N, C-alpha and C. Protein backbone atom coordinates (compact mmCIF):
# COMPACT_ATOMS: atom_id res chain seq x y z
N MET A 1 -46.00 4.03 -16.43
CA MET A 1 -46.43 2.73 -15.92
C MET A 1 -45.60 2.37 -14.69
N LYS A 2 -46.30 1.92 -13.64
CA LYS A 2 -45.61 1.58 -12.40
C LYS A 2 -45.07 0.16 -12.45
N ASN A 3 -43.92 -0.04 -11.74
CA ASN A 3 -43.36 -1.39 -11.67
C ASN A 3 -43.94 -2.13 -10.47
N SER A 4 -43.40 -3.31 -10.17
CA SER A 4 -43.95 -4.12 -9.08
C SER A 4 -43.78 -3.46 -7.72
N LYS A 5 -42.85 -2.50 -7.61
CA LYS A 5 -42.64 -1.80 -6.35
C LYS A 5 -43.56 -0.59 -6.22
N GLY A 6 -44.34 -0.31 -7.25
CA GLY A 6 -45.23 0.83 -7.22
C GLY A 6 -44.56 2.13 -7.65
N LEU A 7 -43.38 2.04 -8.27
CA LEU A 7 -42.65 3.23 -8.71
C LEU A 7 -42.72 3.39 -10.22
N THR A 8 -42.81 4.63 -10.65
CA THR A 8 -42.73 4.90 -12.08
C THR A 8 -41.26 4.84 -12.50
N PRO A 9 -40.98 4.70 -13.80
CA PRO A 9 -39.58 4.71 -14.24
C PRO A 9 -38.84 5.97 -13.79
N ARG A 10 -39.51 7.10 -13.80
CA ARG A 10 -38.91 8.36 -13.36
C ARG A 10 -38.53 8.30 -11.88
N GLN A 11 -39.44 7.78 -11.05
CA GLN A 11 -39.18 7.66 -9.62
C GLN A 11 -38.05 6.66 -9.36
N GLU A 12 -38.04 5.57 -10.12
CA GLU A 12 -37.00 4.57 -9.93
C GLU A 12 -35.62 5.12 -10.31
N ARG A 13 -35.57 5.91 -11.38
CA ARG A 13 -34.31 6.52 -11.80
C ARG A 13 -33.79 7.45 -10.69
N PHE A 14 -34.69 8.26 -10.14
CA PHE A 14 -34.32 9.16 -9.05
C PHE A 14 -33.83 8.37 -7.84
N LEU A 15 -34.56 7.33 -7.47
CA LEU A 15 -34.20 6.52 -6.31
C LEU A 15 -32.82 5.91 -6.47
N GLY A 16 -32.51 5.38 -7.65
CA GLY A 16 -31.19 4.80 -7.90
C GLY A 16 -30.08 5.82 -7.72
N GLU A 17 -30.30 7.04 -8.18
CA GLU A 17 -29.30 8.09 -8.02
C GLU A 17 -29.21 8.55 -6.56
N TYR A 18 -30.34 8.63 -5.89
CA TYR A 18 -30.36 9.10 -4.50
C TYR A 18 -29.58 8.16 -3.58
N LEU A 19 -29.65 6.87 -3.84
CA LEU A 19 -28.97 5.90 -2.98
C LEU A 19 -27.44 5.98 -3.08
N THR A 20 -26.92 6.67 -4.10
CA THR A 20 -25.45 6.76 -4.20
C THR A 20 -24.87 7.72 -3.18
N ASP A 21 -25.56 8.84 -2.88
CA ASP A 21 -24.98 9.81 -1.95
C ASP A 21 -25.99 10.45 -0.99
N LEU A 22 -27.25 10.05 -1.08
CA LEU A 22 -28.33 10.55 -0.22
C LEU A 22 -28.49 12.07 -0.30
N ASN A 23 -28.19 12.62 -1.47
CA ASN A 23 -28.38 14.05 -1.71
C ASN A 23 -29.49 14.18 -2.75
N GLY A 24 -30.67 14.60 -2.31
CA GLY A 24 -31.85 14.63 -3.18
C GLY A 24 -31.70 15.52 -4.39
N THR A 25 -31.21 16.74 -4.19
CA THR A 25 -31.08 17.69 -5.30
C THR A 25 -30.08 17.17 -6.32
N ALA A 26 -28.92 16.71 -5.84
CA ALA A 26 -27.90 16.20 -6.76
C ALA A 26 -28.41 14.96 -7.49
N ALA A 27 -29.13 14.09 -6.78
CA ALA A 27 -29.67 12.88 -7.40
C ALA A 27 -30.65 13.22 -8.51
N TYR A 28 -31.51 14.20 -8.25
CA TYR A 28 -32.50 14.59 -9.26
C TYR A 28 -31.81 15.18 -10.48
N ARG A 29 -30.77 15.98 -10.25
CA ARG A 29 -30.06 16.60 -11.39
C ARG A 29 -29.29 15.55 -12.19
N ARG A 30 -28.79 14.49 -11.52
CA ARG A 30 -28.12 13.42 -12.27
C ARG A 30 -29.15 12.62 -13.07
N ALA A 31 -30.31 12.38 -12.47
CA ALA A 31 -31.34 11.61 -13.15
C ALA A 31 -31.97 12.41 -14.30
N PHE A 32 -32.08 13.72 -14.11
CA PHE A 32 -32.71 14.59 -15.10
C PHE A 32 -31.83 15.82 -15.33
N PRO A 33 -30.76 15.68 -16.10
CA PRO A 33 -29.76 16.74 -16.23
C PRO A 33 -30.27 18.05 -16.84
N ALA A 34 -31.37 18.04 -17.54
CA ALA A 34 -31.87 19.25 -18.19
C ALA A 34 -32.57 20.20 -17.23
N CYS A 35 -32.86 19.76 -16.01
CA CYS A 35 -33.63 20.61 -15.09
C CYS A 35 -32.73 21.62 -14.39
N SER A 36 -33.35 22.67 -13.86
CA SER A 36 -32.62 23.70 -13.11
C SER A 36 -32.40 23.22 -11.68
N TYR A 37 -31.53 23.95 -10.99
CA TYR A 37 -31.25 23.62 -9.59
C TYR A 37 -32.52 23.73 -8.74
N ASN A 38 -33.27 24.82 -8.91
CA ASN A 38 -34.48 25.02 -8.11
C ASN A 38 -35.52 23.94 -8.37
N THR A 39 -35.67 23.56 -9.62
CA THR A 39 -36.61 22.49 -9.96
C THR A 39 -36.16 21.19 -9.32
N ALA A 40 -34.86 20.91 -9.40
CA ALA A 40 -34.33 19.67 -8.81
C ALA A 40 -34.57 19.64 -7.31
N ARG A 41 -34.36 20.75 -6.65
CA ARG A 41 -34.55 20.81 -5.20
C ARG A 41 -36.02 20.58 -4.85
N THR A 42 -36.92 21.22 -5.56
CA THR A 42 -38.36 21.09 -5.29
C THR A 42 -38.85 19.67 -5.59
N GLU A 43 -38.48 19.17 -6.76
CA GLU A 43 -38.95 17.84 -7.17
C GLU A 43 -38.35 16.74 -6.29
N ALA A 44 -37.09 16.90 -5.89
CA ALA A 44 -36.47 15.90 -5.01
C ALA A 44 -37.21 15.83 -3.68
N ALA A 45 -37.54 17.00 -3.12
CA ALA A 45 -38.29 17.03 -1.86
C ALA A 45 -39.65 16.36 -2.02
N ARG A 46 -40.30 16.62 -3.15
CA ARG A 46 -41.61 16.02 -3.41
C ARG A 46 -41.49 14.50 -3.52
N LEU A 47 -40.49 14.05 -4.26
CA LEU A 47 -40.31 12.61 -4.43
C LEU A 47 -39.94 11.92 -3.11
N LEU A 48 -39.10 12.57 -2.32
CA LEU A 48 -38.70 11.97 -1.04
C LEU A 48 -39.84 11.89 -0.04
N ALA A 49 -40.90 12.67 -0.26
CA ALA A 49 -42.09 12.60 0.59
C ALA A 49 -43.07 11.52 0.13
N ASN A 50 -42.83 10.96 -1.06
CA ASN A 50 -43.71 9.94 -1.62
C ASN A 50 -43.62 8.65 -0.79
N PRO A 51 -44.76 8.10 -0.33
CA PRO A 51 -44.75 6.90 0.50
C PRO A 51 -44.05 5.69 -0.15
N CYS A 52 -44.23 5.51 -1.46
CA CYS A 52 -43.58 4.37 -2.14
C CYS A 52 -42.06 4.53 -2.11
N ILE A 53 -41.58 5.74 -2.36
CA ILE A 53 -40.14 5.97 -2.34
C ILE A 53 -39.59 5.84 -0.93
N ARG A 54 -40.33 6.36 0.06
CA ARG A 54 -39.90 6.23 1.46
C ARG A 54 -39.81 4.76 1.85
N SER A 55 -40.74 3.96 1.39
CA SER A 55 -40.74 2.53 1.69
C SER A 55 -39.52 1.85 1.05
N GLU A 56 -39.23 2.20 -0.20
CA GLU A 56 -38.07 1.62 -0.88
C GLU A 56 -36.75 2.06 -0.22
N LEU A 57 -36.69 3.30 0.23
CA LEU A 57 -35.50 3.78 0.93
C LEU A 57 -35.29 3.02 2.22
N ALA A 58 -36.36 2.79 2.96
CA ALA A 58 -36.26 2.03 4.21
C ALA A 58 -35.78 0.62 3.94
N ALA A 59 -36.29 0.00 2.87
CA ALA A 59 -35.85 -1.36 2.51
C ALA A 59 -34.38 -1.36 2.11
N ALA A 60 -33.96 -0.34 1.36
CA ALA A 60 -32.56 -0.26 0.93
C ALA A 60 -31.64 -0.08 2.14
N ARG A 61 -32.06 0.74 3.10
CA ARG A 61 -31.25 0.94 4.31
C ARG A 61 -31.14 -0.35 5.11
N ARG A 62 -32.23 -1.10 5.19
CA ARG A 62 -32.18 -2.39 5.90
C ARG A 62 -31.21 -3.34 5.21
N ASP A 63 -31.23 -3.34 3.87
CA ASP A 63 -30.31 -4.20 3.12
C ASP A 63 -28.86 -3.81 3.37
N VAL A 64 -28.59 -2.52 3.34
CA VAL A 64 -27.22 -2.04 3.59
C VAL A 64 -26.79 -2.41 5.00
N LYS A 65 -27.67 -2.22 5.95
CA LYS A 65 -27.35 -2.55 7.35
C LYS A 65 -27.06 -4.05 7.50
N ARG A 66 -27.86 -4.87 6.82
CA ARG A 66 -27.66 -6.32 6.90
C ARG A 66 -26.35 -6.73 6.23
N LEU A 67 -26.08 -6.17 5.06
CA LEU A 67 -24.86 -6.54 4.31
C LEU A 67 -23.60 -6.06 5.00
N THR A 68 -23.62 -4.88 5.57
CA THR A 68 -22.42 -4.33 6.20
C THR A 68 -22.31 -4.68 7.67
N GLN A 69 -23.38 -5.23 8.22
CA GLN A 69 -23.48 -5.52 9.65
C GLN A 69 -23.21 -4.26 10.46
N ALA A 70 -23.66 -3.12 9.94
CA ALA A 70 -23.49 -1.84 10.62
C ALA A 70 -24.57 -1.67 11.66
N THR A 71 -24.14 -1.36 12.86
CA THR A 71 -25.07 -1.06 13.94
C THR A 71 -24.64 0.26 14.56
N ALA A 72 -25.54 0.87 15.29
CA ALA A 72 -25.20 2.13 15.96
C ALA A 72 -24.04 1.91 16.92
N GLU A 73 -24.04 0.78 17.62
CA GLU A 73 -22.94 0.47 18.55
C GLU A 73 -21.60 0.41 17.83
N ARG A 74 -21.59 -0.25 16.70
CA ARG A 74 -20.33 -0.40 15.96
C ARG A 74 -19.83 0.95 15.44
N VAL A 75 -20.74 1.79 14.97
CA VAL A 75 -20.35 3.12 14.50
C VAL A 75 -19.75 3.92 15.65
N ILE A 76 -20.39 3.88 16.82
CA ILE A 76 -19.88 4.61 17.98
C ILE A 76 -18.51 4.06 18.39
N GLN A 77 -18.32 2.74 18.33
CA GLN A 77 -17.02 2.16 18.67
C GLN A 77 -15.94 2.65 17.72
N GLU A 78 -16.27 2.76 16.44
CA GLU A 78 -15.27 3.23 15.46
C GLU A 78 -14.94 4.70 15.70
N ILE A 79 -15.94 5.50 16.00
CA ILE A 79 -15.69 6.91 16.30
C ILE A 79 -14.83 7.02 17.56
N ALA A 80 -15.13 6.19 18.56
CA ALA A 80 -14.35 6.20 19.80
C ALA A 80 -12.90 5.77 19.55
N ALA A 81 -12.69 4.81 18.65
CA ALA A 81 -11.33 4.37 18.33
C ALA A 81 -10.51 5.53 17.78
N ILE A 82 -11.14 6.36 16.96
CA ILE A 82 -10.46 7.53 16.40
C ILE A 82 -10.27 8.59 17.49
N ALA A 83 -11.32 8.83 18.27
CA ALA A 83 -11.27 9.89 19.28
C ALA A 83 -10.21 9.63 20.34
N PHE A 84 -10.01 8.37 20.70
CA PHE A 84 -9.09 8.05 21.79
C PHE A 84 -7.79 7.40 21.31
N ALA A 85 -7.51 7.49 20.02
CA ALA A 85 -6.28 6.90 19.47
C ALA A 85 -5.06 7.58 20.06
N ASP A 86 -4.03 6.77 20.31
CA ASP A 86 -2.76 7.29 20.83
C ASP A 86 -1.69 7.03 19.78
N VAL A 87 -1.08 8.08 19.29
CA VAL A 87 -0.09 7.96 18.22
C VAL A 87 1.07 7.06 18.63
N PHE A 88 1.37 6.97 19.93
CA PHE A 88 2.49 6.15 20.38
C PHE A 88 2.21 4.65 20.24
N ASP A 89 0.95 4.27 19.99
CA ASP A 89 0.66 2.86 19.70
C ASP A 89 1.26 2.43 18.37
N LEU A 90 1.66 3.38 17.53
CA LEU A 90 2.24 3.06 16.23
C LEU A 90 3.75 2.87 16.29
N PHE A 91 4.36 3.17 17.43
CA PHE A 91 5.82 3.17 17.51
C PHE A 91 6.33 2.26 18.61
N ASP A 92 7.56 1.79 18.41
CA ASP A 92 8.31 1.07 19.44
C ASP A 92 9.43 1.98 19.91
N HIS A 93 9.76 1.86 21.18
CA HIS A 93 10.90 2.62 21.71
C HIS A 93 12.16 1.81 21.46
N THR A 94 13.13 2.40 20.80
CA THR A 94 14.40 1.74 20.52
C THR A 94 15.52 2.58 21.12
N PRO A 95 16.73 2.03 21.23
CA PRO A 95 17.84 2.84 21.75
C PRO A 95 18.09 4.10 20.90
N ASP A 96 17.74 4.05 19.61
CA ASP A 96 17.94 5.20 18.73
C ASP A 96 16.76 6.18 18.75
N GLY A 97 15.71 5.87 19.48
CA GLY A 97 14.52 6.73 19.51
C GLY A 97 13.28 5.92 19.22
N LEU A 98 12.38 6.48 18.43
CA LEU A 98 11.15 5.81 18.07
C LEU A 98 11.29 5.17 16.69
N ALA A 99 10.72 3.98 16.54
CA ALA A 99 10.70 3.30 15.24
C ALA A 99 9.27 2.85 14.99
N LEU A 100 8.81 3.06 13.76
CA LEU A 100 7.46 2.65 13.40
C LEU A 100 7.34 1.14 13.53
N ARG A 101 6.29 0.70 14.21
CA ARG A 101 6.07 -0.74 14.38
C ARG A 101 5.66 -1.38 13.07
N SER A 102 5.89 -2.68 12.98
CA SER A 102 5.29 -3.45 11.90
C SER A 102 3.79 -3.35 12.09
N PHE A 103 3.04 -3.21 11.00
CA PHE A 103 1.61 -3.00 11.15
C PHE A 103 0.91 -4.20 11.78
N ARG A 104 1.51 -5.35 11.75
CA ARG A 104 0.93 -6.51 12.45
C ARG A 104 1.00 -6.32 13.95
N ASP A 105 1.95 -5.49 14.41
CA ASP A 105 2.13 -5.28 15.85
C ASP A 105 1.35 -4.08 16.39
N VAL A 106 0.75 -3.33 15.49
CA VAL A 106 -0.04 -2.17 15.91
C VAL A 106 -1.39 -2.68 16.41
N PRO A 107 -1.84 -2.23 17.58
CA PRO A 107 -3.15 -2.68 18.09
C PRO A 107 -4.27 -2.34 17.09
N PRO A 108 -5.28 -3.20 16.99
CA PRO A 108 -6.37 -2.97 16.04
C PRO A 108 -7.04 -1.61 16.21
N GLU A 109 -7.21 -1.15 17.46
CA GLU A 109 -7.85 0.15 17.68
C GLU A 109 -7.04 1.27 17.03
N ALA A 110 -5.72 1.19 17.13
CA ALA A 110 -4.85 2.21 16.53
C ALA A 110 -4.89 2.12 15.00
N ARG A 111 -4.96 0.91 14.47
CA ARG A 111 -5.03 0.76 13.01
C ARG A 111 -6.31 1.37 12.46
N ARG A 112 -7.41 1.23 13.21
CA ARG A 112 -8.69 1.78 12.74
C ARG A 112 -8.69 3.30 12.73
N ALA A 113 -7.77 3.91 13.45
CA ALA A 113 -7.70 5.37 13.50
C ALA A 113 -6.82 5.95 12.39
N ILE A 114 -6.18 5.09 11.59
CA ILE A 114 -5.31 5.56 10.52
C ILE A 114 -6.17 6.00 9.33
N ALA A 115 -5.98 7.25 8.92
CA ALA A 115 -6.73 7.79 7.79
C ALA A 115 -6.01 7.51 6.47
N SER A 116 -4.68 7.59 6.48
CA SER A 116 -3.94 7.31 5.25
C SER A 116 -2.53 6.85 5.58
N LEU A 117 -1.96 6.15 4.63
CA LEU A 117 -0.61 5.61 4.77
C LEU A 117 0.09 5.80 3.44
N LYS A 118 1.27 6.41 3.46
CA LYS A 118 2.03 6.66 2.24
C LYS A 118 3.43 6.12 2.42
N VAL A 119 3.90 5.37 1.45
CA VAL A 119 5.27 4.88 1.47
C VAL A 119 5.98 5.50 0.28
N LYS A 120 7.09 6.19 0.57
CA LYS A 120 7.85 6.85 -0.48
C LYS A 120 9.29 6.37 -0.41
N ARG A 121 9.79 5.91 -1.52
CA ARG A 121 11.17 5.44 -1.56
C ARG A 121 12.07 6.63 -1.88
N VAL A 122 13.05 6.86 -1.02
CA VAL A 122 13.93 8.02 -1.17
C VAL A 122 15.37 7.54 -1.34
N VAL A 123 16.05 8.08 -2.35
CA VAL A 123 17.47 7.77 -2.55
C VAL A 123 18.26 8.63 -1.58
N THR A 124 19.00 7.98 -0.69
CA THR A 124 19.75 8.74 0.29
C THR A 124 21.12 9.17 -0.23
N ARG A 125 21.81 8.26 -0.92
CA ARG A 125 23.11 8.63 -1.48
C ARG A 125 23.57 7.56 -2.46
N THR A 126 24.43 7.97 -3.35
CA THR A 126 25.06 7.04 -4.28
C THR A 126 26.54 7.04 -3.97
N ARG A 127 27.11 5.84 -3.86
CA ARG A 127 28.54 5.76 -3.56
C ARG A 127 29.18 4.70 -4.44
N THR A 128 30.47 4.82 -4.57
CA THR A 128 31.23 3.85 -5.36
C THR A 128 32.00 2.95 -4.40
N THR A 129 31.88 1.64 -4.60
CA THR A 129 32.58 0.69 -3.74
C THR A 129 34.03 0.59 -4.17
N ASP A 130 34.82 -0.14 -3.37
CA ASP A 130 36.24 -0.33 -3.69
C ASP A 130 36.42 -1.05 -5.01
N GLY A 131 35.43 -1.86 -5.38
CA GLY A 131 35.52 -2.60 -6.63
C GLY A 131 35.08 -1.79 -7.83
N GLY A 132 34.71 -0.54 -7.62
CA GLY A 132 34.32 0.32 -8.72
C GLY A 132 32.83 0.30 -9.03
N GLU A 133 32.04 -0.45 -8.25
CA GLU A 133 30.60 -0.47 -8.49
C GLU A 133 29.94 0.76 -7.88
N THR A 134 28.89 1.20 -8.54
CA THR A 134 28.10 2.30 -7.99
C THR A 134 26.91 1.70 -7.25
N VAL A 135 26.80 2.05 -5.98
CA VAL A 135 25.73 1.52 -5.14
C VAL A 135 24.83 2.69 -4.71
N THR A 136 23.55 2.51 -4.93
CA THR A 136 22.58 3.52 -4.51
C THR A 136 21.84 2.99 -3.29
N GLU A 137 21.86 3.75 -2.23
CA GLU A 137 21.15 3.36 -1.02
C GLU A 137 19.80 4.07 -0.99
N THR A 138 18.78 3.31 -0.69
CA THR A 138 17.43 3.89 -0.63
C THR A 138 16.82 3.64 0.73
N VAL A 139 15.94 4.49 1.09
CA VAL A 139 15.23 4.38 2.36
C VAL A 139 13.74 4.54 2.07
N ASP A 140 12.93 3.73 2.72
CA ASP A 140 11.47 3.89 2.61
C ASP A 140 11.02 4.86 3.68
N VAL A 141 10.41 5.95 3.26
CA VAL A 141 9.84 6.92 4.19
C VAL A 141 8.35 6.63 4.27
N ILE A 142 7.91 6.32 5.47
CA ILE A 142 6.50 5.96 5.66
C ILE A 142 5.81 7.11 6.37
N GLN A 143 4.75 7.62 5.76
CA GLN A 143 3.97 8.70 6.35
C GLN A 143 2.61 8.14 6.77
N VAL A 144 2.28 8.30 8.02
CA VAL A 144 1.01 7.83 8.56
C VAL A 144 0.23 9.04 9.03
N ARG A 145 -1.01 9.14 8.60
CA ARG A 145 -1.87 10.24 9.06
C ARG A 145 -3.08 9.63 9.76
N LEU A 146 -3.29 10.07 10.99
CA LEU A 146 -4.44 9.59 11.74
C LEU A 146 -5.68 10.40 11.37
N ALA A 147 -6.83 9.80 11.56
CA ALA A 147 -8.09 10.50 11.30
C ALA A 147 -8.22 11.66 12.28
N GLN A 148 -9.10 12.59 11.97
CA GLN A 148 -9.22 13.81 12.77
C GLN A 148 -9.82 13.51 14.14
N LYS A 149 -8.99 13.64 15.14
CA LYS A 149 -9.37 13.34 16.52
C LYS A 149 -10.45 14.28 17.03
N LEU A 150 -10.30 15.59 16.77
CA LEU A 150 -11.28 16.55 17.28
C LEU A 150 -12.66 16.33 16.67
N ALA A 151 -12.71 15.98 15.39
CA ALA A 151 -14.00 15.73 14.75
C ALA A 151 -14.68 14.51 15.39
N ALA A 152 -13.89 13.47 15.68
CA ALA A 152 -14.45 12.28 16.32
C ALA A 152 -14.91 12.58 17.74
N LEU A 153 -14.12 13.36 18.48
CA LEU A 153 -14.53 13.74 19.83
C LEU A 153 -15.82 14.57 19.79
N ASP A 154 -15.92 15.46 18.81
CA ASP A 154 -17.13 16.27 18.66
C ASP A 154 -18.35 15.39 18.41
N LYS A 155 -18.21 14.39 17.54
CA LYS A 155 -19.33 13.49 17.26
C LYS A 155 -19.74 12.71 18.50
N LEU A 156 -18.75 12.24 19.26
CA LEU A 156 -19.07 11.52 20.50
C LEU A 156 -19.76 12.44 21.51
N ALA A 157 -19.25 13.67 21.64
CA ALA A 157 -19.85 14.62 22.59
C ALA A 157 -21.30 14.91 22.22
N ARG A 158 -21.56 15.07 20.93
CA ARG A 158 -22.94 15.31 20.48
C ARG A 158 -23.82 14.10 20.78
N HIS A 159 -23.28 12.91 20.52
CA HIS A 159 -24.05 11.69 20.77
C HIS A 159 -24.38 11.55 22.26
N LEU A 160 -23.45 11.94 23.10
CA LEU A 160 -23.65 11.81 24.55
C LEU A 160 -24.43 12.99 25.15
N GLY A 161 -24.77 13.98 24.31
CA GLY A 161 -25.56 15.11 24.78
C GLY A 161 -24.76 16.09 25.62
N LEU A 162 -23.47 16.18 25.37
CA LEU A 162 -22.63 17.07 26.17
C LEU A 162 -22.72 18.53 25.75
N TYR A 163 -23.42 18.81 24.66
CA TYR A 163 -23.53 20.18 24.18
C TYR A 163 -24.89 20.80 24.47
N GLU A 164 -25.54 20.35 25.51
CA GLU A 164 -26.86 20.89 25.83
C GLU A 164 -26.75 22.38 26.12
N GLU A 165 -27.66 23.13 25.54
CA GLU A 165 -27.69 24.57 25.78
C GLU A 165 -28.20 24.84 27.19
N ARG A 166 -27.52 25.72 27.89
CA ARG A 166 -27.97 26.10 29.23
C ARG A 166 -28.25 27.58 29.23
N PRO A 167 -29.35 27.97 29.87
CA PRO A 167 -29.66 29.40 29.94
C PRO A 167 -28.55 30.14 30.69
N PRO A 168 -28.28 31.39 30.29
CA PRO A 168 -27.20 32.16 30.94
C PRO A 168 -27.38 32.26 32.46
N LEU A 169 -28.62 32.40 32.93
CA LEU A 169 -28.85 32.51 34.37
C LEU A 169 -28.43 31.23 35.09
N THR A 170 -28.69 30.09 34.48
CA THR A 170 -28.29 28.81 35.08
C THR A 170 -26.77 28.72 35.15
N VAL A 171 -26.09 29.15 34.10
CA VAL A 171 -24.62 29.13 34.08
C VAL A 171 -24.09 30.03 35.19
N LEU A 172 -24.67 31.22 35.33
CA LEU A 172 -24.24 32.16 36.37
C LEU A 172 -24.48 31.57 37.75
N MET A 173 -25.65 31.03 37.99
CA MET A 173 -25.98 30.45 39.30
C MET A 173 -25.05 29.29 39.65
N ASN A 174 -24.70 28.49 38.65
CA ASN A 174 -23.81 27.35 38.90
C ASN A 174 -22.38 27.80 39.18
N SER A 175 -22.02 29.00 38.73
CA SER A 175 -20.65 29.48 38.95
C SER A 175 -20.47 30.15 40.31
N LEU A 176 -21.59 30.48 40.97
CA LEU A 176 -21.52 31.13 42.28
C LEU A 176 -21.35 30.09 43.39
N PRO A 177 -20.76 30.52 44.51
CA PRO A 177 -20.72 29.61 45.67
C PRO A 177 -22.15 29.23 46.05
N SER A 178 -22.33 28.02 46.56
CA SER A 178 -23.67 27.51 46.81
C SER A 178 -24.46 28.38 47.78
N SER A 179 -23.79 28.94 48.81
CA SER A 179 -24.52 29.77 49.77
C SER A 179 -25.03 31.05 49.11
N VAL A 180 -24.22 31.66 48.24
CA VAL A 180 -24.63 32.87 47.53
C VAL A 180 -25.76 32.55 46.55
N ALA A 181 -25.63 31.44 45.83
CA ALA A 181 -26.66 31.04 44.87
C ALA A 181 -27.99 30.78 45.57
N LYS A 182 -27.92 30.19 46.76
CA LYS A 182 -29.13 29.89 47.53
C LYS A 182 -29.83 31.18 47.95
N GLU A 183 -29.06 32.15 48.45
CA GLU A 183 -29.63 33.43 48.87
C GLU A 183 -30.20 34.20 47.68
N LEU A 184 -29.49 34.14 46.56
CA LEU A 184 -29.95 34.83 45.36
C LEU A 184 -31.27 34.25 44.87
N ARG A 185 -31.36 32.93 44.90
CA ARG A 185 -32.62 32.29 44.50
C ARG A 185 -33.77 32.75 45.39
N LYS A 186 -33.51 32.81 46.70
CA LYS A 186 -34.57 33.20 47.64
C LYS A 186 -34.99 34.64 47.41
N SER A 187 -34.03 35.55 47.27
CA SER A 187 -34.37 36.97 47.21
C SER A 187 -34.86 37.44 45.84
N VAL A 188 -34.20 37.00 44.78
CA VAL A 188 -34.54 37.50 43.45
C VAL A 188 -35.63 36.67 42.79
N LEU A 189 -35.52 35.40 42.88
CA LEU A 189 -36.43 34.53 42.14
C LEU A 189 -37.59 34.04 42.99
N ASN A 190 -37.57 34.31 44.29
CA ASN A 190 -38.59 33.84 45.19
C ASN A 190 -38.76 32.33 45.13
N VAL A 191 -37.61 31.63 45.07
CA VAL A 191 -37.62 30.17 45.00
C VAL A 191 -36.97 29.65 46.26
N SER A 192 -37.59 28.73 46.91
CA SER A 192 -37.03 28.13 48.11
C SER A 192 -36.36 26.82 47.75
N ASP A 193 -35.18 26.61 48.34
CA ASP A 193 -34.48 25.35 48.10
C ASP A 193 -35.09 24.20 48.90
N GLU A 194 -35.90 24.57 49.88
CA GLU A 194 -36.50 23.53 50.71
C GLU A 194 -37.72 23.00 50.01
N THR A 195 -37.84 21.71 50.02
CA THR A 195 -39.02 21.10 49.40
C THR A 195 -40.09 20.93 50.45
N PRO A 196 -41.35 21.24 50.12
CA PRO A 196 -42.42 21.09 51.11
C PRO A 196 -42.65 19.63 51.46
N GLU A 197 -43.00 19.41 52.71
CA GLU A 197 -43.24 18.04 53.15
C GLU A 197 -44.67 17.65 52.98
């Protein structure tokens, strides 16, 4: 029996699982654990082609976009923040060298590029004072790991179309001096650089 959205209980169960990770095969196997991998792959593809499910997925994506205020511009800005992050934005120059800034003083762009932050308390030494007390000195070791810069640069380059495939002949022609390339075009390719009037 179909619900008000036009989905059967089976389709609705699949859709709920699919929205968690957008992996059709995995979603189908979670919804129907007794099925084989091949069955899950085939049935997931069939269900994802269903107009009612496609409509519900589009509605769910609109809801997520509205709730998170995610836009393509904002995603690109976040990728750019990671791609162009400068590790020195996290530090202050002191007479003793570099010191990690208070996180309130780190620029927002640099904070957005931080992938993880670990604080570990380390005992540096134990000493006895003149009064006979034992004092343990501790130091907080802070480890900051930035997000992968090369991966972010790669995503930006792909978005900007910087990886366009060029035919080998075009690459060769572009590497030659312009006068040689012009003569080669005329003699081998029978192409004139002059445009007819």
